[in-house]
Amino acid sequence: MNSTIHTSQAIVDLDAYAHNLSVVRDLIGPDREFVAVVKANAYGLGSVRVGQRALQEGARMLAVATIAEGVELRSGGIDAPVLVMMQSDRDSLGAVIEHGLTLTISDVKTAEVLGEMARTANRVVQVHCMVDTGMNRQGFAWESAVDNIQYLTRISHIDVEGIATHFPVADVAEDNFTLGQLKIFNQVLKGLEKEGIPFELAHAANSAATVNFPASHFSLVRVGLMTYGVWPTDHQPAAALLKAV
C-alpha cells in the first residue's frame, strides 16, 4: 500500500503584490491614499504577511470584513490602523475597544453602545460612518445621514474619522447607477461641510471604481481584488498591468 502523502502549496508572490500596489498609486496620484483590503485572510493568501507588505508599500490602513479578522491582524503583530468594514453585533464590540480597531458604523444605537463601552474603558474609538447611497445593504440612509453623523460627533469617546459608501456595480464604465451614487455621496459630504461637522477621511472607491470612476477617489480608495492581480472591470487594458499574486 502506498503511504506517500501528497501535499499542495500556494506560492504567494509578495513582490507581485507590491507591483500591483504601485499600479494603484499611479491611478490615484500623489494626493490620494489607499486602504489595502485583506479580508477573508487576504483572499486566502495570508492576511498578516500580505498586510505587513501593504503597510511597507504605503497603505494608510488595512481593511477587513469582521472584528475577528481584525483581531487576527493584531495577534500577528500588526499595530497599524485596521478598519472593520461590516458593522458587527453588539456582543462583539468589546473586542473593537480592546484591540484598537476602527469600526464602520451604520446606525445610531450601535454608536451609543460603543461610546458607553469606550467611556467605561477610558478609550476613544475611531469610527467610519457608512452612508447608504443606493446599495441598500448597510449604512445610514443618505437623506438623514448628515443629522445622524452630527449626532454621532456628540457621543462621548467616539471619534468620527471617516465617511464612506460602497459601489456594487462600478465594474461597468459610465454606469448610471454608480454615477447616481457618486452624486448622492457628494451631496452628503457637502451637507456635512455646510454644517461644520468634522471628519478626516472620505472613501467610496473599491478596485473597480478606482479604475472606472476617478471622481470617486476622494481621500482614499479601498483596493482588494486588483491588488491580488485580477483586473476589476469589464474591459481589460491592452497591456497587462497587474501581476498574479
C-alpha atoms as a PDB file:
ATOM      1  CA  MET A   1       0.000   0.000   0.000  1.00  0.00           C
ATOM      2  CA  ASN A   2       1.425   3.356  -0.995  1.00  0.00           C
ATOM      3  CA  SER A   3       1.587   5.542   2.113  1.00  0.00           C
ATOM      4  CA  THR A   4       3.030   8.596   0.366  1.00  0.00           C
ATOM      5  CA  ILE A   5       1.234  11.795   1.406  1.00  0.00           C
ATOM      6  CA  HIS A   6       0.804  14.270  -1.403  1.00  0.00           C
ATOM      7  CA  THR A   7       0.568  17.904  -0.337  1.00  0.00           C
ATOM      8  CA  SER A   8      -0.250  21.101  -2.165  1.00  0.00           C
ATOM      9  CA  GLN A   9       1.292  24.516  -1.745  1.00  0.00           C
ATOM     10  CA  ALA A  10       0.237  28.016  -2.688  1.00  0.00           C
ATOM     11  CA  ILE A  11       3.193  30.229  -3.515  1.00  0.00           C
ATOM     12  CA  VAL A  12       2.386  33.862  -2.738  1.00  0.00           C
ATOM     13  CA  ASP A  13       4.479  36.413  -4.619  1.00  0.00           C
ATOM     14  CA  LEU A  14       4.617  39.483  -2.396  1.00  0.00           C
ATOM     15  CA  ASP A  15       6.749  41.324  -4.952  1.00  0.00           C
ATOM     16  CA  ALA A  16       3.885  40.931  -7.445  1.00  0.00           C
ATOM     17  CA  TYR A  17       1.549  42.265  -4.762  1.00  0.00           C
ATOM     18  CA  ALA A  18       3.826  45.286  -4.275  1.00  0.00           C
ATOM     19  CA  HIS A  19       3.844  45.849  -8.041  1.00  0.00           C
ATOM     20  CA  ASN A  20       0.039  45.883  -8.105  1.00  0.00           C
ATOM     21  CA  LEU A  21       0.001  48.444  -5.307  1.00  0.00           C
ATOM     22  CA  SER A  22       2.290  50.623  -7.438  1.00  0.00           C
ATOM     23  CA  VAL A  23      -0.332  50.427 -10.213  1.00  0.00           C
ATOM     24  CA  VAL A  24      -2.916  51.653  -7.701  1.00  0.00           C
ATOM     25  CA  ARG A  25      -0.678  54.543  -6.701  1.00  0.00           C
ATOM     26  CA  ASP A  26      -0.261  55.514 -10.356  1.00  0.00           C
ATOM     27  CA  LEU A  27      -4.043  55.531 -10.803  1.00  0.00           C
ATOM     28  CA  ILE A  28      -4.850  57.665  -7.763  1.00  0.00           C
ATOM     29  CA  GLY A  29      -1.913  60.058  -7.909  1.00  0.00           C
ATOM     30  CA  PRO A  30       0.189  61.515  -5.104  1.00  0.00           C
ATOM     31  CA  ASP A  31      -2.642  63.362  -3.348  1.00  0.00           C
ATOM     32  CA  ARG A  32      -4.677  60.258  -2.509  1.00  0.00           C
ATOM     33  CA  GLU A  33      -4.009  57.293  -0.241  1.00  0.00           C
ATOM     34  CA  PHE A  34      -5.140  53.682  -0.302  1.00  0.00           C
ATOM     35  CA  VAL A  35      -6.614  51.163   2.084  1.00  0.00           C
ATOM     36  CA  ALA A  36      -5.397  47.610   1.482  1.00  0.00           C
ATOM     37  CA  VAL A  37      -8.279  45.149   1.795  1.00  0.00           C
ATOM     38  CA  VAL A  38      -7.094  41.918   3.435  1.00  0.00           C
ATOM     39  CA  LYS A  39     -10.473  40.427   4.327  1.00  0.00           C
ATOM     40  CA  ALA A  40     -11.031  36.645   4.247  1.00  0.00           C
ATOM     41  CA  ASN A  41      -7.394  36.015   5.199  1.00  0.00           C
ATOM     42  CA  ALA A  42      -6.290  38.262   2.311  1.00  0.00           C
ATOM     43  CA  TYR A  43      -8.471  36.276  -0.106  1.00  0.00           C
ATOM     44  CA  GLY A  44      -6.853  33.106   1.258  1.00  0.00           C
ATOM     45  CA  LEU A  45      -3.263  34.259   0.815  1.00  0.00           C
ATOM     46  CA  GLY A  46      -2.404  35.156   4.428  1.00  0.00           C
ATOM     47  CA  SER A  47      -3.651  38.403   5.911  1.00  0.00           C
ATOM     48  CA  VAL A  48      -0.730  39.074   8.253  1.00  0.00           C
ATOM     49  CA  ARG A  49       2.054  38.684   5.697  1.00  0.00           C
ATOM     50  CA  VAL A  50       0.109  40.470   2.964  1.00  0.00           C
ATOM     51  CA  GLY A  51      -0.925  43.219   5.391  1.00  0.00           C
ATOM     52  CA  GLN A  52       2.653  43.756   6.506  1.00  0.00           C
ATOM     53  CA  ARG A  53       3.765  44.188   2.900  1.00  0.00           C
ATOM     54  CA  ALA A  54       0.882  46.557   2.162  1.00  0.00           C
ATOM     55  CA  LEU A  55       1.962  48.768   5.058  1.00  0.00           C
ATOM     56  CA  GLN A  56       5.569  48.681   3.865  1.00  0.00           C
ATOM     57  CA  GLU A  57       4.322  49.869   0.480  1.00  0.00           C
ATOM     58  CA  GLY A  58       2.488  52.839   1.974  1.00  0.00           C
ATOM     59  CA  ALA A  59      -1.042  51.687   2.836  1.00  0.00           C
ATOM     60  CA  ARG A  60      -2.821  54.213   5.072  1.00  0.00           C
ATOM     61  CA  MET A  61      -4.654  51.351   6.816  1.00  0.00           C
ATOM     62  CA  LEU A  62      -5.783  47.766   6.363  1.00  0.00           C
ATOM     63  CA  ALA A  63      -9.410  46.746   5.930  1.00  0.00           C
ATOM     64  CA  VAL A  64     -11.132  43.535   6.974  1.00  0.00           C
ATOM     65  CA  ALA A  65     -14.732  42.344   6.950  1.00  0.00           C
ATOM     66  CA  THR A  66     -15.135  41.265  10.572  1.00  0.00           C
ATOM     67  CA  ILE A  67     -13.892  42.054  14.038  1.00  0.00           C
ATOM     68  CA  ALA A  68     -12.389  38.560  14.294  1.00  0.00           C
ATOM     69  CA  GLU A  69     -10.290  39.250  11.195  1.00  0.00           C
ATOM     70  CA  GLY A  70      -9.073  42.472  12.783  1.00  0.00           C
ATOM     71  CA  VAL A  71      -8.109  40.643  15.972  1.00  0.00           C
ATOM     72  CA  GLU A  72      -6.139  38.162  13.862  1.00  0.00           C
ATOM     73  CA  LEU A  73      -4.056  41.017  12.440  1.00  0.00           C
ATOM     74  CA  ARG A  74      -3.394  42.337  15.938  1.00  0.00           C
ATOM     75  CA  SER A  75      -2.398  38.843  17.078  1.00  0.00           C
ATOM     76  CA  GLY A  76       0.043  38.743  14.165  1.00  0.00           C
ATOM     77  CA  GLY A  77       1.799  41.855  15.456  1.00  0.00           C
ATOM     78  CA  ILE A  78       0.217  44.493  13.217  1.00  0.00           C
ATOM     79  CA  ASP A  79      -0.452  47.711  15.134  1.00  0.00           C
ATOM     80  CA  ALA A  80      -1.387  49.937  12.187  1.00  0.00           C
ATOM     81  CA  PRO A  81      -4.990  51.195  11.781  1.00  0.00           C
ATOM     82  CA  VAL A  82      -7.406  48.381  10.906  1.00  0.00           C
ATOM     83  CA  LEU A  83     -10.857  49.216   9.534  1.00  0.00           C
ATOM     84  CA  VAL A  84     -13.650  46.689  10.094  1.00  0.00           C
ATOM     85  CA  MET A  85     -15.951  47.222   7.123  1.00  0.00           C
ATOM     86  CA  MET A  86     -19.018  45.328   8.329  1.00  0.00           C
ATOM     87  CA  GLN A  87     -20.808  46.522  11.446  1.00  0.00           C
ATOM     88  CA  SER A  88     -20.841  43.624  13.899  1.00  0.00           C
ATOM     89  CA  ASP A  89     -23.314  42.621  16.563  1.00  0.00           C
ATOM     90  CA  ARG A  90     -23.119  44.477  19.854  1.00  0.00           C
ATOM     91  CA  ASP A  91     -21.800  41.458  21.764  1.00  0.00           C
ATOM     92  CA  SER A  92     -18.538  41.767  19.808  1.00  0.00           C
ATOM     93  CA  LEU A  93     -17.949  45.478  20.371  1.00  0.00           C
ATOM     94  CA  GLY A  94     -15.683  44.933  23.369  1.00  0.00           C
ATOM     95  CA  ALA A  95     -13.037  43.495  21.056  1.00  0.00           C
ATOM     96  CA  VAL A  96     -13.085  46.712  18.995  1.00  0.00           C
ATOM     97  CA  ILE A  97     -12.066  48.671  22.078  1.00  0.00           C
ATOM     98  CA  GLU A  98      -9.660  46.066  23.438  1.00  0.00           C
ATOM     99  CA  HIS A  99      -7.722  45.739  20.175  1.00  0.00           C
ATOM    100  CA  GLY A 100      -7.920  49.338  18.993  1.00  0.00           C
ATOM    101  CA  LEU A 101      -9.862  48.626  15.817  1.00  0.00           C
ATOM    102  CA  THR A 102     -11.750  51.185  13.725  1.00  0.00           C
ATOM    103  CA  LEU A 103     -15.384  50.204  13.236  1.00  0.00           C
ATOM    104  CA  THR A 104     -17.712  51.020  10.359  1.00  0.00           C
ATOM    105  CA  ILE A 105     -20.953  52.325  11.881  1.00  0.00           C
ATOM    106  CA  SER A 106     -24.365  52.137  10.207  1.00  0.00           C
ATOM    107  CA  ASP A 107     -26.805  53.104  12.980  1.00  0.00           C
ATOM    108  CA  VAL A 108     -27.034  55.428  15.944  1.00  0.00           C
ATOM    109  CA  LYS A 109     -27.784  52.798  18.582  1.00  0.00           C
ATOM    110  CA  THR A 110     -24.595  50.830  17.913  1.00  0.00           C
ATOM    111  CA  ALA A 111     -22.601  54.055  18.185  1.00  0.00           C
ATOM    112  CA  GLU A 112     -24.247  54.843  21.513  1.00  0.00           C
ATOM    113  CA  VAL A 113     -23.428  51.400  22.908  1.00  0.00           C
ATOM    114  CA  LEU A 114     -19.857  51.593  21.621  1.00  0.00           C
ATOM    115  CA  GLY A 115     -19.409  55.076  23.074  1.00  0.00           C
ATOM    116  CA  GLU A 116     -20.597  53.977  26.505  1.00  0.00           C
ATOM    117  CA  MET A 117     -18.271  50.970  26.460  1.00  0.00           C
ATOM    118  CA  ALA A 118     -15.375  53.179  25.385  1.00  0.00           C
ATOM    119  CA  ARG A 119     -16.159  55.673  28.157  1.00  0.00           C
ATOM    120  CA  THR A 120     -16.095  52.877  30.731  1.00  0.00           C
ATOM    121  CA  ALA A 121     -12.751  51.677  29.358  1.00  0.00           C
ATOM    122  CA  ASN A 122     -11.435  55.264  29.180  1.00  0.00           C
ATOM    123  CA  ARG A 123     -10.670  54.862  25.476  1.00  0.00           C
ATOM    124  CA  VAL A 124     -11.560  56.850  22.371  1.00  0.00           C
ATOM    125  CA  VAL A 125     -12.774  54.713  19.464  1.00  0.00           C
ATOM    126  CA  GLN A 126     -12.439  55.852  15.882  1.00  0.00           C
ATOM    127  CA  VAL A 127     -15.355  55.052  13.577  1.00  0.00           C
ATOM    128  CA  HIS A 128     -16.196  55.440   9.911  1.00  0.00           C
ATOM    129  CA  CYS A 129     -19.830  56.177   9.076  1.00  0.00           C
ATOM    130  CA  MET A 130     -21.250  54.190   6.170  1.00  0.00           C
ATOM    131  CA  VAL A 131     -23.770  56.062   4.028  1.00  0.00           C
ATOM    132  CA  ASP A 132     -26.271  54.037   2.019  1.00  0.00           C
ATOM    133  CA  THR A 133     -26.334  55.696  -1.395  1.00  0.00           C
ATOM    134  CA  GLY A 134     -28.427  53.010  -3.057  1.00  0.00           C
ATOM    135  CA  MET A 135     -26.952  49.568  -2.385  1.00  0.00           C
ATOM    136  CA  ASN A 136     -29.412  49.004   0.491  1.00  0.00           C
ATOM    137  CA  ARG A 137     -27.146  46.655   2.426  1.00  0.00           C
ATOM    138  CA  GLN A 138     -25.798  48.733   5.284  1.00  0.00           C
ATOM    139  CA  GLY A 139     -25.369  52.357   6.182  1.00  0.00           C
ATOM    140  CA  PHE A 140     -27.241  55.465   7.254  1.00  0.00           C
ATOM    141  CA  ALA A 141     -29.978  56.441   4.815  1.00  0.00           C
ATOM    142  CA  TRP A 142     -28.454  59.230   2.785  1.00  0.00           C
ATOM    143  CA  GLU A 143     -31.419  61.555   3.359  1.00  0.00           C
ATOM    144  CA  SER A 144     -30.798  61.587   7.129  1.00  0.00           C
ATOM    145  CA  ALA A 145     -27.061  60.872   7.138  1.00  0.00           C
ATOM    146  CA  VAL A 146     -25.984  64.438   7.960  1.00  0.00           C
ATOM    147  CA  ASP A 147     -28.225  64.631  11.035  1.00  0.00           C
ATOM    148  CA  ASN A 148     -27.206  61.159  12.200  1.00  0.00           C
ATOM    149  CA  ILE A 149     -23.498  61.775  11.767  1.00  0.00           C
ATOM    150  CA  GLN A 150     -23.794  65.107  13.531  1.00  0.00           C
ATOM    151  CA  TYR A 151     -25.365  63.261  16.460  1.00  0.00           C
ATOM    152  CA  LEU A 152     -22.501  60.734  16.468  1.00  0.00           C
ATOM    153  CA  THR A 153     -19.937  63.523  16.786  1.00  0.00           C
ATOM    154  CA  ARG A 154     -21.566  64.430  20.095  1.00  0.00           C
ATOM    155  CA  ILE A 155     -21.240  60.940  21.606  1.00  0.00           C
ATOM    156  CA  SER A 156     -18.541  60.846  24.242  1.00  0.00           C
ATOM    157  CA  HIS A 157     -15.440  58.789  23.389  1.00  0.00           C
ATOM    158  CA  ILE A 158     -16.440  58.363  19.730  1.00  0.00           C
ATOM    159  CA  ASP A 159     -14.275  59.991  17.054  1.00  0.00           C
ATOM    160  CA  VAL A 160     -15.831  60.140  13.580  1.00  0.00           C
ATOM    161  CA  GLU A 161     -12.714  59.745  11.460  1.00  0.00           C
ATOM    162  CA  GLY A 162     -14.245  58.806   8.126  1.00  0.00           C
ATOM    163  CA  ILE A 163     -17.321  58.852   5.892  1.00  0.00           C
ATOM    164  CA  ALA A 164     -17.801  56.033   3.388  1.00  0.00           C
ATOM    165  CA  THR A 165     -20.102  54.412   0.868  1.00  0.00           C
ATOM    166  CA  HIS A 166     -19.901  51.389  -1.411  1.00  0.00           C
ATOM    167  CA  PHE A 167     -20.441  50.922  -5.160  1.00  0.00           C
ATOM    168  CA  PRO A 168     -21.773  47.453  -6.119  1.00  0.00           C
ATOM    169  CA  VAL A 169     -21.582  47.774  -9.919  1.00  0.00           C
ATOM    170  CA  ALA A 170     -18.618  50.062 -10.555  1.00  0.00           C
ATOM    171  CA  ASP A 171     -17.045  47.448 -12.835  1.00  0.00           C
ATOM    172  CA  VAL A 172     -19.233  48.880 -15.627  1.00  0.00           C
ATOM    173  CA  ALA A 173     -17.758  52.079 -17.043  1.00  0.00           C
ATOM    174  CA  GLU A 174     -20.070  55.113 -17.001  1.00  0.00           C
ATOM    175  CA  ASP A 175     -22.666  53.069 -15.118  1.00  0.00           C
ATOM    176  CA  ASN A 176     -25.628  55.339 -14.360  1.00  0.00           C
ATOM    177  CA  PHE A 177     -26.372  53.707 -11.004  1.00  0.00           C
ATOM    178  CA  THR A 178     -22.814  54.301  -9.809  1.00  0.00           C
ATOM    179  CA  LEU A 179     -22.851  57.862 -11.135  1.00  0.00           C
ATOM    180  CA  GLY A 180     -26.067  58.430  -9.167  1.00  0.00           C
ATOM    181  CA  GLN A 181     -24.456  57.028  -6.021  1.00  0.00           C
ATOM    182  CA  LEU A 182     -21.471  59.299  -6.507  1.00  0.00           C
ATOM    183  CA  LYS A 183     -23.746  62.334  -6.851  1.00  0.00           C
ATOM    184  CA  ILE A 184     -25.602  61.436  -3.649  1.00  0.00           C
ATOM    185  CA  PHE A 185     -22.379  60.856  -1.718  1.00  0.00           C
ATOM    186  CA  ASN A 186     -21.075  64.247  -2.815  1.00  0.00           C
ATOM    187  CA  GLN A 187     -24.312  65.823  -1.590  1.00  0.00           C
ATOM    188  CA  VAL A 188     -23.842  64.210   1.819  1.00  0.00           C
ATOM    189  CA  LEU A 189     -20.232  65.388   2.051  1.00  0.00           C
ATOM    190  CA  LYS A 190     -21.279  68.933   1.114  1.00  0.00           C
ATOM    191  CA  GLY A 191     -24.019  68.773   3.762  1.00  0.00           C
ATOM    192  CA  LEU A 192     -21.504  67.743   6.408  1.00  0.00           C
ATOM    193  CA  GLU A 193     -19.198  70.563   5.362  1.00  0.00           C
ATOM    194  CA  LYS A 194     -22.055  73.091   5.440  1.00  0.00           C
ATOM    195  CA  GLU A 195     -22.944  72.079   8.995  1.00  0.00           C
ATOM    196  CA  GLY A 196     -19.311  72.199  10.092  1.00  0.00           C
ATOM    197  CA  ILE A 197     -19.257  68.512  11.024  1.00  0.00           C
ATOM    198  CA  PRO A 198     -15.632  67.404  11.347  1.00  0.00           C
ATOM    199  CA  PHE A 199     -14.190  64.277   9.749  1.00  0.00           C
ATOM    200  CA  GLU A 200     -10.791  63.451   8.320  1.00  0.00           C
ATOM    201  CA  LEU A 201     -11.359  60.939   5.533  1.00  0.00           C
ATOM    202  CA  ALA A 202     -13.903  60.194   2.800  1.00  0.00           C
ATOM    203  CA  HIS A 203     -13.799  56.998   0.761  1.00  0.00           C
ATOM    204  CA  ALA A 204     -16.035  55.211  -1.715  1.00  0.00           C
ATOM    205  CA  ALA A 205     -13.971  53.524  -4.436  1.00  0.00           C
ATOM    206  CA  ASN A 206     -13.325  49.804  -4.496  1.00  0.00           C
ATOM    207  CA  SER A 207     -10.923  48.351  -7.085  1.00  0.00           C
ATOM    208  CA  ALA A 208     -13.404  48.749  -9.948  1.00  0.00           C
ATOM    209  CA  ALA A 209     -14.246  52.352  -9.108  1.00  0.00           C
ATOM    210  CA  THR A 210     -10.561  53.121  -8.678  1.00  0.00           C
ATOM    211  CA  VAL A 211     -10.180  52.266 -12.370  1.00  0.00           C
ATOM    212  CA  ASN A 212     -13.506  53.424 -13.816  1.00  0.00           C
ATOM    213  CA  PHE A 213     -14.508  56.425 -11.692  1.00  0.00           C
ATOM    214  CA  PRO A 214     -11.591  58.751 -10.834  1.00  0.00           C
ATOM    215  CA  ALA A 215     -14.049  61.253  -9.332  1.00  0.00           C
ATOM    216  CA  SER A 216     -14.738  58.705  -6.580  1.00  0.00           C
ATOM    217  CA  HIS A 217     -11.177  58.599  -5.259  1.00  0.00           C
ATOM    218  CA  PHE A 218     -11.791  61.226  -2.536  1.00  0.00           C
ATOM    219  CA  SER A 219      -9.242  60.911   0.330  1.00  0.00           C
ATOM    220  CA  LEU A 220      -8.623  57.184  -0.089  1.00  0.00           C
ATOM    221  CA  VAL A 221      -9.529  54.185  -2.202  1.00  0.00           C
ATOM    222  CA  ARG A 222     -10.246  50.709  -0.804  1.00  0.00           C
ATOM    223  CA  VAL A 223      -8.479  48.214  -3.039  1.00  0.00           C
ATOM    224  CA  GLY A 224      -8.635  44.447  -2.762  1.00  0.00           C
ATOM    225  CA  LEU A 225      -9.254  42.464  -5.945  1.00  0.00           C
ATOM    226  CA  MET A 226      -6.827  44.303  -8.192  1.00  0.00           C
ATOM    227  CA  THR A 227      -4.034  44.174  -5.642  1.00  0.00           C
ATOM    228  CA  TYR A 228      -4.052  40.385  -5.977  1.00  0.00           C
ATOM    229  CA  GLY A 229      -3.649  40.557  -9.750  1.00  0.00           C
ATOM    230  CA  VAL A 230      -7.248  40.434 -11.017  1.00  0.00           C
ATOM    231  CA  TRP A 231      -8.299  43.292 -13.318  1.00  0.00           C
ATOM    232  CA  PRO A 232     -11.553  44.571 -11.749  1.00  0.00           C
ATOM    233  CA  THR A 233     -13.517  45.949 -14.725  1.00  0.00           C
ATOM    234  CA  ASP A 234     -15.240  44.649 -17.837  1.00  0.00           C
ATOM    235  CA  HIS A 235     -12.588  45.994 -20.173  1.00  0.00           C
ATOM    236  CA  GLN A 236      -9.026  44.716 -19.857  1.00  0.00           C
ATOM    237  CA  PRO A 237      -6.232  47.146 -20.744  1.00  0.00           C
ATOM    238  CA  ALA A 238      -4.327  46.406 -23.935  1.00  0.00           C
ATOM    239  CA  ALA A 239      -1.193  45.601 -21.938  1.00  0.00           C
ATOM    240  CA  ALA A 240      -1.346  43.567 -18.739  1.00  0.00           C
ATOM    241  CA  LEU A 241      -0.767  45.995 -15.876  1.00  0.00           C
ATOM    242  CA  LEU A 242      -1.189  43.611 -12.956  1.00  0.00           C
ATOM    243  CA  LYS A 243       0.788  40.571 -11.858  1.00  0.00           C
ATOM    244  CA  ALA A 244      -0.756  37.412 -10.435  1.00  0.00           C
ATOM    245  CA  VAL A 245      -0.023  37.122  -6.730  1.00  0.00           C
END
